[in-house]
PDB file of all heavy atoms in Angstrom:
ATOM      1  N   MET A   1     136.700  57.995  29.716  1.00  0.00           N
ATOM      2  CA  MET A   1     137.764  58.660  30.467  1.00  0.00           C
ATOM      3  C   MET A   1     138.026  60.105  30.036  1.00  0.00           C
ATOM      4  O   MET A   1     138.087  61.002  30.880  1.00  0.00           O
ATOM      5  CB  MET A   1     139.054  57.843  30.370  1.00  0.00           C
ATOM      6  CG  MET A   1     140.159  58.335  31.316  1.00  0.00           C
ATOM      7  SD  MET A   1     139.688  58.143  33.057  1.00  0.00           S
ATOM      8  CE  MET A   1     139.698  56.353  33.187  1.00  0.00           C
ATOM      9  N   PRO A   2     138.177  60.396  28.717  1.00  0.00           N
ATOM     10  CA  PRO A   2     138.420  61.787  28.328  1.00  0.00           C
ATOM     11  C   PRO A   2     137.292  62.725  28.730  1.00  0.00           C
ATOM     12  O   PRO A   2     137.528  63.862  29.148  1.00  0.00           O
ATOM     13  CB  PRO A   2     138.574  61.700  26.802  1.00  0.00           C
ATOM     14  CG  PRO A   2     138.928  60.281  26.521  1.00  0.00           C
ATOM     15  CD  PRO A   2     138.210  59.487  27.560  1.00  0.00           C
ATOM     16  N   LEU A   3     136.054  62.244  28.596  1.00  0.00           N
ATOM     17  CA  LEU A   3     134.915  63.082  28.961  1.00  0.00           C
ATOM     18  C   LEU A   3     134.844  63.287  30.472  1.00  0.00           C
ATOM     19  O   LEU A   3     134.494  64.374  30.948  1.00  0.00           O
ATOM     20  CB  LEU A   3     133.617  62.457  28.455  1.00  0.00           C
ATOM     21  CG  LEU A   3     133.477  62.351  26.935  1.00  0.00           C
ATOM     22  CD1 LEU A   3     132.159  61.680  26.572  1.00  0.00           C
ATOM     23  CD2 LEU A   3     133.564  63.721  26.279  1.00  0.00           C
ATOM     24  N   LEU A   4     135.170  62.249  31.230  1.00  0.00           N
ATOM     25  CA  LEU A   4     135.170  62.380  32.687  1.00  0.00           C
ATOM     26  C   LEU A   4     136.265  63.344  33.144  1.00  0.00           C
ATOM     27  O   LEU A   4     136.088  64.063  34.131  1.00  0.00           O
ATOM     28  CB  LEU A   4     135.352  61.014  33.340  1.00  0.00           C
ATOM     29  CG  LEU A   4     134.168  60.047  33.188  1.00  0.00           C
ATOM     30  CD1 LEU A   4     134.514  58.671  33.745  1.00  0.00           C
ATOM     31  CD2 LEU A   4     132.929  60.605  33.881  1.00  0.00           C
ATOM     32  N   SER A   5     137.365  63.386  32.410  1.00  0.00           N
ATOM     33  CA  SER A   5     138.419  64.362  32.719  1.00  0.00           C
ATOM     34  C   SER A   5     137.896  65.778  32.505  1.00  0.00           C
ATOM     35  O   SER A   5     138.171  66.690  33.299  1.00  0.00           O
ATOM     36  CB  SER A   5     139.651  64.115  31.849  1.00  0.00           C
ATOM     37  OG  SER A   5     140.220  62.854  32.126  1.00  0.00           O
ATOM     38  N   SER A   6     137.136  65.948  31.435  1.00  0.00           N
ATOM     39  CA  SER A   6     136.515  67.247  31.167  1.00  0.00           C
ATOM     40  C   SER A   6     135.518  67.602  32.263  1.00  0.00           C
ATOM     41  O   SER A   6     135.449  68.762  32.704  1.00  0.00           O
ATOM     42  CB  SER A   6     135.809  67.219  29.810  1.00  0.00           C
ATOM     43  OG  SER A   6     135.069  68.395  29.585  1.00  0.00           O
ATOM     44  N   LEU A   7     134.767  66.604  32.724  1.00  0.00           N
ATOM     45  CA  LEU A   7     133.809  66.824  33.805  1.00  0.00           C
ATOM     46  C   LEU A   7     134.507  67.307  35.066  1.00  0.00           C
ATOM     47  O   LEU A   7     134.077  68.270  35.711  1.00  0.00           O
ATOM     48  CB  LEU A   7     133.054  65.526  34.088  1.00  0.00           C
ATOM     49  CG  LEU A   7     132.139  65.500  35.324  1.00  0.00           C
ATOM     50  CD1 LEU A   7     131.015  66.511  35.191  1.00  0.00           C
ATOM     51  CD2 LEU A   7     131.579  64.097  35.541  1.00  0.00           C
ATOM     52  N   GLN A   8     135.608  66.668  35.420  1.00  0.00           N
ATOM     53  CA  GLN A   8     136.358  67.053  36.615  1.00  0.00           C
ATOM     54  C   GLN A   8     136.905  68.465  36.489  1.00  0.00           C
ATOM     55  O   GLN A   8     136.876  69.248  37.453  1.00  0.00           O
ATOM     56  CB  GLN A   8     137.492  66.055  36.858  1.00  0.00           C
ATOM     57  CG  GLN A   8     137.003  64.666  37.237  1.00  0.00           C
ATOM     58  CD  GLN A   8     138.100  63.618  37.194  1.00  0.00           C
ATOM     59  OE1 GLN A   8     139.231  63.908  36.817  1.00  0.00           O
ATOM     60  NE2 GLN A   8     137.765  62.387  37.567  1.00  0.00           N
ATOM     61  N   ALA A   9     137.391  68.803  35.289  1.00  0.00           N
ATOM     62  CA  ALA A   9     137.934  70.145  35.071  1.00  0.00           C
ATOM     63  C   ALA A   9     136.835  71.201  35.190  1.00  0.00           C
ATOM     64  O   ALA A   9     137.042  72.271  35.787  1.00  0.00           O
ATOM     65  CB  ALA A   9     138.602  70.214  33.699  1.00  0.00           C
ATOM     66  N   ARG A  10     135.679  70.925  34.618  1.00  0.00           N
ATOM     67  CA  ARG A  10     134.564  71.866  34.704  1.00  0.00           C
ATOM     68  C   ARG A  10     134.111  72.055  36.148  1.00  0.00           C
ATOM     69  O   ARG A  10     133.817  73.173  36.585  1.00  0.00           O
ATOM     70  CB  ARG A  10     133.387  71.378  33.856  1.00  0.00           C
ATOM     71  CG  ARG A  10     133.560  71.542  32.368  1.00  0.00           C
ATOM     72  CD  ARG A  10     132.372  70.930  31.613  1.00  0.00           C
ATOM     73  NE  ARG A  10     132.507  71.045  30.178  1.00  0.00           N
ATOM     74  CZ  ARG A  10     132.051  72.057  29.458  1.00  0.00           C
ATOM     75  NH1 ARG A  10     131.416  73.061  30.058  1.00  0.00           N
ATOM     76  NH2 ARG A  10     132.214  72.090  28.160  1.00  0.00           N
ATOM     77  N   ALA A  11     134.044  70.950  36.886  1.00  0.00           N
ATOM     78  CA  ALA A  11     133.609  71.026  38.280  1.00  0.00           C
ATOM     79  C   ALA A  11     134.573  71.869  39.106  1.00  0.00           C
ATOM     80  O   ALA A  11     134.153  72.637  39.981  1.00  0.00           O
ATOM     81  CB  ALA A  11     133.487  69.627  38.863  1.00  0.00           C
ATOM     82  N   ALA A  12     135.871  71.734  38.817  1.00  0.00           N
ATOM     83  CA  ALA A  12     136.876  72.491  39.565  1.00  0.00           C
ATOM     84  C   ALA A  12     136.846  73.977  39.212  1.00  0.00           C
ATOM     85  O   ALA A  12     137.015  74.838  40.083  1.00  0.00           O
ATOM     86  CB  ALA A  12     138.265  71.920  39.291  1.00  0.00           C
ATOM     87  N   SER A  13     136.611  74.284  37.931  1.00  0.00           N
ATOM     88  CA  SER A  13     136.641  75.683  37.488  1.00  0.00           C
ATOM     89  C   SER A  13     135.324  76.411  37.727  1.00  0.00           C
ATOM     90  O   SER A  13     135.286  77.644  37.753  1.00  0.00           O
ATOM     91  CB  SER A  13     136.993  75.751  35.999  1.00  0.00           C
ATOM     92  OG  SER A  13     135.970  75.141  35.215  1.00  0.00           O
ATOM     93  N   ASP A  14     134.235  75.659  37.887  1.00  0.00           N
ATOM     94  CA  ASP A  14     132.908  76.279  38.053  1.00  0.00           C
ATOM     95  C   ASP A  14     132.141  75.558  39.160  1.00  0.00           C
ATOM     96  O   ASP A  14     131.127  74.903  38.914  1.00  0.00           O
ATOM     97  CB  ASP A  14     132.148  76.205  36.724  1.00  0.00           C
ATOM     98  CG  ASP A  14     130.913  77.096  36.709  1.00  0.00           C
ATOM     99  OD1 ASP A  14     130.733  77.885  37.660  1.00  0.00           O
ATOM    100  OD2 ASP A  14     130.132  77.001  35.725  1.00  0.00           O
ATOM    101  N   PRO A  15     132.618  75.677  40.399  1.00  0.00           N
ATOM    102  CA  PRO A  15     131.986  74.929  41.502  1.00  0.00           C
ATOM    103  C   PRO A  15     130.566  75.371  41.812  1.00  0.00           C
ATOM    104  O   PRO A  15     129.822  74.647  42.466  1.00  0.00           O
ATOM    105  CB  PRO A  15     132.925  75.192  42.681  1.00  0.00           C
ATOM    106  CG  PRO A  15     133.580  76.497  42.344  1.00  0.00           C
ATOM    107  CD  PRO A  15     133.745  76.506  40.860  1.00  0.00           C
ATOM    108  N   ASP A  16     130.183  76.563  41.358  1.00  0.00           N
ATOM    109  CA  ASP A  16     128.834  77.073  41.614  1.00  0.00           C
ATOM    110  C   ASP A  16     128.020  77.137  40.322  1.00  0.00           C
ATOM    111  O   ASP A  16     127.231  78.067  40.118  1.00  0.00           O
ATOM    112  CB  ASP A  16     128.910  78.456  42.255  1.00  0.00           C
ATOM    113  CG  ASP A  16     129.623  78.429  43.590  1.00  0.00           C
ATOM    114  OD1 ASP A  16     129.342  77.526  44.391  1.00  0.00           O
ATOM    115  OD2 ASP A  16     130.482  79.305  43.837  1.00  0.00           O
ATOM    116  N   ALA A  17     128.207  76.148  39.485  1.00  0.00           N
ATOM    117  CA  ALA A  17     127.519  76.134  38.187  1.00  0.00           C
ATOM    118  C   ALA A  17     126.006  76.182  38.368  1.00  0.00           C
ATOM    119  O   ALA A  17     125.453  75.588  39.296  1.00  0.00           O
ATOM    120  CB  ALA A  17     127.907  74.877  37.417  1.00  0.00           C
ATOM    121  N   PRO A  18     125.308  76.884  37.475  1.00  0.00           N
ATOM    122  CA  PRO A  18     123.843  76.905  37.534  1.00  0.00           C
ATOM    123  C   PRO A  18     123.267  75.592  37.028  1.00  0.00           C
ATOM    124  O   PRO A  18     123.991  74.719  36.540  1.00  0.00           O
ATOM    125  CB  PRO A  18     123.491  78.058  36.584  1.00  0.00           C
ATOM    126  CG  PRO A  18     124.610  78.054  35.582  1.00  0.00           C
ATOM    127  CD  PRO A  18     125.840  77.680  36.362  1.00  0.00           C
ATOM    128  N   VAL A  19     121.964  75.439  37.132  1.00  0.00           N
ATOM    129  CA  VAL A  19     121.285  74.266  36.579  1.00  0.00           C
ATOM    130  C   VAL A  19     121.406  74.324  35.058  1.00  0.00           C
ATOM    131  O   VAL A  19     121.024  75.311  34.423  1.00  0.00           O
ATOM    132  CB  VAL A  19     119.800  74.232  36.982  1.00  0.00           C
ATOM    133  CG1 VAL A  19     119.088  73.062  36.317  1.00  0.00           C
ATOM    134  CG2 VAL A  19     119.663  74.159  38.493  1.00  0.00           C
ATOM    135  N   ARG A  20     121.952  73.258  34.497  1.00  0.00           N
ATOM    136  CA  ARG A  20     122.088  73.155  33.042  1.00  0.00           C
ATOM    137  C   ARG A  20     121.432  71.849  32.614  1.00  0.00           C
ATOM    138  O   ARG A  20     121.983  70.770  32.809  1.00  0.00           O
ATOM    139  CB  ARG A  20     123.554  73.187  32.627  1.00  0.00           C
ATOM    140  CG  ARG A  20     124.232  74.532  32.900  1.00  0.00           C
ATOM    141  CD  ARG A  20     125.693  74.532  32.507  1.00  0.00           C
ATOM    142  NE  ARG A  20     126.275  75.859  32.674  1.00  0.00           N
ATOM    143  CZ  ARG A  20     127.446  76.096  33.264  1.00  0.00           C
ATOM    144  NH1 ARG A  20     128.171  75.083  33.752  1.00  0.00           N
ATOM    145  NH2 ARG A  20     127.897  77.329  33.371  1.00  0.00           N
ATOM    146  N   ILE A  21     120.252  71.953  32.033  1.00  0.00           N
ATOM    147  CA  ILE A  21     119.439  70.797  31.657  1.00  0.00           C
ATOM    148  C   ILE A  21     119.723  70.400  30.218  1.00  0.00           C
ATOM    149  O   ILE A  21     119.787  71.247  29.327  1.00  0.00           O
ATOM    150  CB  ILE A  21     117.944  71.122  31.822  1.00  0.00           C
ATOM    151  CG1 ILE A  21     117.594  71.326  33.301  1.00  0.00           C
ATOM    152  CG2 ILE A  21     117.063  70.039  31.200  1.00  0.00           C
ATOM    153  CD1 ILE A  21     116.226  71.935  33.518  1.00  0.00           C
ATOM    154  N   GLY A  22     119.877  69.101  29.993  1.00  0.00           N
ATOM    155  CA  GLY A  22     119.919  68.558  28.646  1.00  0.00           C
ATOM    156  C   GLY A  22     118.699  67.676  28.443  1.00  0.00           C
ATOM    157  O   GLY A  22     118.356  66.888  29.327  1.00  0.00           O
ATOM    158  N   TYR A  23     118.048  67.787  27.276  1.00  0.00           N
ATOM    159  CA  TYR A  23     116.804  67.028  27.085  1.00  0.00           C
ATOM    160  C   TYR A  23     116.556  66.695  25.622  1.00  0.00           C
ATOM    161  O   TYR A  23     117.110  67.325  24.716  1.00  0.00           O
ATOM    162  CB  TYR A  23     115.613  67.815  27.639  1.00  0.00           C
ATOM    163  CG  TYR A  23     115.172  68.993  26.785  1.00  0.00           C
ATOM    164  CD1 TYR A  23     114.068  68.898  25.936  1.00  0.00           C
ATOM    165  CD2 TYR A  23     115.848  70.214  26.828  1.00  0.00           C
ATOM    166  CE1 TYR A  23     113.653  69.977  25.153  1.00  0.00           C
ATOM    167  CE2 TYR A  23     115.444  71.300  26.059  1.00  0.00           C
ATOM    168  CZ  TYR A  23     114.348  71.167  25.217  1.00  0.00           C
ATOM    169  OH  TYR A  23     113.949  72.229  24.443  1.00  0.00           O
ATOM    170  N   LEU A  24     115.715  65.694  25.410  1.00  0.00           N
ATOM    171  CA  LEU A  24     115.186  65.370  24.098  1.00  0.00           C
ATOM    172  C   LEU A  24     113.760  65.919  23.993  1.00  0.00           C
ATOM    173  O   LEU A  24     113.087  66.095  25.015  1.00  0.00           O
ATOM    174  CB  LEU A  24     115.158  63.854  23.880  1.00  0.00           C
ATOM    175  CG  LEU A  24     116.497  63.117  23.767  1.00  0.00           C
ATOM    176  CD1 LEU A  24     116.259  61.654  23.398  1.00  0.00           C
ATOM    177  CD2 LEU A  24     117.411  63.767  22.751  1.00  0.00           C
ATOM    178  N   PRO A  25     113.269  66.171  22.771  1.00  0.00           N
ATOM    179  CA  PRO A  25     111.926  66.746  22.604  1.00  0.00           C
ATOM    180  C   PRO A  25     110.827  65.693  22.750  1.00  0.00           C
ATOM    181  O   PRO A  25     110.068  65.423  21.820  1.00  0.00           O
ATOM    182  CB  PRO A  25     111.978  67.329  21.189  1.00  0.00           C
ATOM    183  CG  PRO A  25     112.918  66.430  20.464  1.00  0.00           C
ATOM    184  CD  PRO A  25     113.978  66.066  21.475  1.00  0.00           C
ATOM    185  N   ILE A  26     110.758  65.084  23.927  1.00  0.00           N
ATOM    186  CA  ILE A  26     109.743  64.084  24.234  1.00  0.00           C
ATOM    187  C   ILE A  26     109.078  64.471  25.549  1.00  0.00           C
ATOM    188  O   ILE A  26     109.637  65.243  26.338  1.00  0.00           O
ATOM    189  CB  ILE A  26     110.354  62.664  24.318  1.00  0.00           C
ATOM    190  CG1 ILE A  26     111.546  62.624  25.292  1.00  0.00           C
ATOM    191  CG2 ILE A  26     110.784  62.190  22.946  1.00  0.00           C
ATOM    192  CD1 ILE A  26     112.219  61.268  25.413  1.00  0.00           C
ATOM    193  N   THR A  27     107.896  63.930  25.796  1.00  0.00           N
ATOM    194  CA  THR A  27     107.162  64.326  26.999  1.00  0.00           C
ATOM    195  C   THR A  27     107.848  63.854  28.277  1.00  0.00           C
ATOM    196  O   THR A  27     107.517  64.334  29.363  1.00  0.00           O
ATOM    197  CB  THR A  27     105.711  63.809  26.962  1.00  0.00           C
ATOM    198  OG1 THR A  27     105.718  62.408  26.663  1.00  0.00           O
ATOM    199  CG2 THR A  27     104.907  64.548  25.907  1.00  0.00           C
ATOM    200  N   ASP A  28     108.809  62.928  28.152  1.00  0.00           N
ATOM    201  CA  ASP A  28     109.599  62.508  29.315  1.00  0.00           C
ATOM    202  C   ASP A  28     110.265  63.704  29.997  1.00  0.00           C
ATOM    203  O   ASP A  28     110.526  63.685  31.199  1.00  0.00           O
ATOM    204  CB  ASP A  28     110.705  61.540  28.880  1.00  0.00           C
ATOM    205  CG  ASP A  28     110.167  60.258  28.284  1.00  0.00           C
ATOM    206  OD1 ASP A  28     109.063  60.284  27.741  1.00  0.00           O
ATOM    207  OD2 ASP A  28     110.870  59.230  28.342  1.00  0.00           O
ATOM    208  N   ALA A  29     110.575  64.728  29.218  1.00  0.00           N
ATOM    209  CA  ALA A  29     111.304  65.892  29.746  1.00  0.00           C
ATOM    210  C   ALA A  29     110.392  66.887  30.459  1.00  0.00           C
ATOM    211  O   ALA A  29     110.878  67.892  30.995  1.00  0.00           O
ATOM    212  CB  ALA A  29     112.039  66.598  28.606  1.00  0.00           C
ATOM    213  N   THR A  30     109.107  66.629  30.485  1.00  0.00           N
ATOM    214  CA  THR A  30     108.123  67.609  30.973  1.00  0.00           C
ATOM    215  C   THR A  30     108.489  68.270  32.298  1.00  0.00           C
ATOM    216  O   THR A  30     108.504  69.502  32.389  1.00  0.00           O
ATOM    217  CB  THR A  30     106.728  66.961  31.068  1.00  0.00           C
ATOM    218  OG1 THR A  30     106.298  66.579  29.755  1.00  0.00           O
ATOM    219  CG2 THR A  30     105.710  67.922  31.659  1.00  0.00           C
ATOM    220  N   PRO A  31     108.771  67.526  33.384  1.00  0.00           N
ATOM    221  CA  PRO A  31     109.038  68.200  34.656  1.00  0.00           C
ATOM    222  C   PRO A  31     110.231  69.157  34.616  1.00  0.00           C
ATOM    223  O   PRO A  31     110.190  70.230  35.232  1.00  0.00           O
ATOM    224  CB  PRO A  31     109.291  67.043  35.630  1.00  0.00           C
ATOM    225  CG  PRO A  31     108.572  65.882  35.018  1.00  0.00           C
ATOM    226  CD  PRO A  31     108.760  66.061  33.544  1.00  0.00           C
ATOM    227  N   LEU A  32     111.281  68.783  33.891  1.00  0.00           N
ATOM    228  CA  LEU A  32     112.452  69.649  33.810  1.00  0.00           C
ATOM    229  C   LEU A  32     112.108  70.946  33.094  1.00  0.00           C
ATOM    230  O   LEU A  32     112.540  72.033  33.506  1.00  0.00           O
ATOM    231  CB  LEU A  32     113.591  68.933  33.083  1.00  0.00           C
ATOM    232  CG  LEU A  32     114.037  67.575  33.632  1.00  0.00           C
ATOM    233  CD1 LEU A  32     115.232  67.047  32.841  1.00  0.00           C
ATOM    234  CD2 LEU A  32     114.396  67.674  35.106  1.00  0.00           C
ATOM    235  N   LEU A  33     111.330  70.839  32.024  1.00  0.00           N
ATOM    236  CA  LEU A  33     110.981  72.017  31.238  1.00  0.00           C
ATOM    237  C   LEU A  33     109.950  72.884  31.956  1.00  0.00           C
ATOM    238  O   LEU A  33     110.010  74.118  31.895  1.00  0.00           O
ATOM    239  CB  LEU A  33     110.476  71.584  29.859  1.00  0.00           C
ATOM    240  CG  LEU A  33     111.478  70.748  29.047  1.00  0.00           C
ATOM    241  CD1 LEU A  33     110.866  70.322  27.717  1.00  0.00           C
ATOM    242  CD2 LEU A  33     112.774  71.512  28.834  1.00  0.00           C
ATOM    243  N   VAL A  34     109.009  72.250  32.639  1.00  0.00           N
ATOM    244  CA  VAL A  34     108.028  73.006  33.430  1.00  0.00           C
ATOM    245  C   VAL A  34     108.731  73.765  34.553  1.00  0.00           C
ATOM    246  O   VAL A  34     108.425  74.931  34.827  1.00  0.00           O
ATOM    247  CB  VAL A  34     106.944  72.070  33.995  1.00  0.00           C
ATOM    248  CG1 VAL A  34     106.132  72.765  35.091  1.00  0.00           C
ATOM    249  CG2 VAL A  34     106.014  71.596  32.877  1.00  0.00           C
ATOM    250  N   ALA A  35     109.690  73.100  35.200  1.00  0.00           N
ATOM    251  CA  ALA A  35     110.428  73.759  36.287  1.00  0.00           C
ATOM    252  C   ALA A  35     111.149  74.988  35.771  1.00  0.00           C
ATOM    253  O   ALA A  35     111.188  76.038  36.435  1.00  0.00           O
ATOM    254  CB  ALA A  35     111.412  72.784  36.929  1.00  0.00           C
ATOM    255  N   HIS A  36     111.722  74.889  34.574  1.00  0.00           N
ATOM    256  CA  HIS A  36     112.413  76.045  33.992  1.00  0.00           C
ATOM    257  C   HIS A  36     111.415  77.123  33.587  1.00  0.00           C
ATOM    258  O   HIS A  36     111.567  78.301  33.942  1.00  0.00           O
ATOM    259  CB  HIS A  36     113.225  75.609  32.771  1.00  0.00           C
ATOM    260  CG  HIS A  36     113.850  76.760  32.033  1.00  0.00           C
ATOM    261  ND1 HIS A  36     113.288  77.312  30.899  1.00  0.00           N
ATOM    262  CD2 HIS A  36     114.974  77.483  32.291  1.00  0.00           C
ATOM    263  CE1 HIS A  36     114.046  78.309  30.475  1.00  0.00           C
ATOM    264  NE2 HIS A  36     115.073  78.429  31.300  1.00  0.00           N
ATOM    265  N   ASN A  37     110.371  76.743  32.870  1.00  0.00           N
ATOM    266  CA  ASN A  37     109.395  77.715  32.378  1.00  0.00           C
ATOM    267  C   ASN A  37     108.713  78.469  33.520  1.00  0.00           C
ATOM    268  O   ASN A  37     108.489  79.683  33.434  1.00  0.00           O
ATOM    269  CB  ASN A  37     108.339  77.003  31.541  1.00  0.00           C
ATOM    270  CG  ASN A  37     107.325  77.959  30.938  1.00  0.00           C
ATOM    271  OD1 ASN A  37     107.552  78.535  29.883  1.00  0.00           O
ATOM    272  ND2 ASN A  37     106.194  78.133  31.601  1.00  0.00           N
ATOM    273  N   ASN A  38     108.389  77.750  34.584  1.00  0.00           N
ATOM    274  CA  ASN A  38     107.636  78.352  35.689  1.00  0.00           C
ATOM    275  C   ASN A  38     108.520  79.020  36.737  1.00  0.00           C
ATOM    276  O   ASN A  38     108.016  79.468  37.771  1.00  0.00           O
ATOM    277  CB  ASN A  38     106.768  77.288  36.365  1.00  0.00           C
ATOM    278  CG  ASN A  38     105.617  76.820  35.477  1.00  0.00           C
ATOM    279  OD1 ASN A  38     105.509  77.220  34.324  1.00  0.00           O
ATOM    280  ND2 ASN A  38     104.761  75.962  36.003  1.00  0.00           N
ATOM    281  N   GLY A  39     109.820  79.071  36.485  1.00  0.00           N
ATOM    282  CA  GLY A  39     110.720  79.750  37.416  1.00  0.00           C
ATOM    283  C   GLY A  39     110.880  79.047  38.751  1.00  0.00           C
ATOM    284  O   GLY A  39     111.175  79.689  39.763  1.00  0.00           O
ATOM    285  N   LEU A  40     110.705  77.712  38.751  1.00  0.00           N
ATOM    286  CA  LEU A  40     110.749  76.986  40.025  1.00  0.00           C
ATOM    287  C   LEU A  40     112.168  76.850  40.571  1.00  0.00           C
ATOM    288  O   LEU A  40     112.351  76.746  41.789  1.00  0.00           O
ATOM    289  CB  LEU A  40     110.104  75.610  39.856  1.00  0.00           C
ATOM    290  CG  LEU A  40     108.614  75.636  39.483  1.00  0.00           C
ATOM    291  CD1 LEU A  40     108.076  74.223  39.327  1.00  0.00           C
ATOM    292  CD2 LEU A  40     107.814  76.397  40.531  1.00  0.00           C
ATOM    293  N   PHE A  41     113.167  76.836  39.693  1.00  0.00           N
ATOM    294  CA  PHE A  41     114.546  76.803  40.183  1.00  0.00           C
ATOM    295  C   PHE A  41     114.878  78.128  40.874  1.00  0.00           C
ATOM    296  O   PHE A  41     115.441  78.153  41.978  1.00  0.00           O
ATOM    297  CB  PHE A  41     115.524  76.542  39.035  1.00  0.00           C
ATOM    298  CG  PHE A  41     115.375  75.189  38.404  1.00  0.00           C
ATOM    299  CD1 PHE A  41     114.953  75.055  37.087  1.00  0.00           C
ATOM    300  CD2 PHE A  41     115.655  74.034  39.130  1.00  0.00           C
ATOM    301  CE1 PHE A  41     114.822  73.812  36.504  1.00  0.00           C
ATOM    302  CE2 PHE A  41     115.519  72.775  38.561  1.00  0.00           C
ATOM    303  CZ  PHE A  41     115.091  72.665  37.236  1.00  0.00           C
TER     304      PHE A  41
END
């Protein structure tokens, strides 16, 4: 609940937020990191 309250506040204050990726250093993250590195966003 407290974190979801923070989520709602962030969404209201920054409705046009950029892509913000969170990841672990495993190959599972490959597409997200490739998209960032290659400027696909």
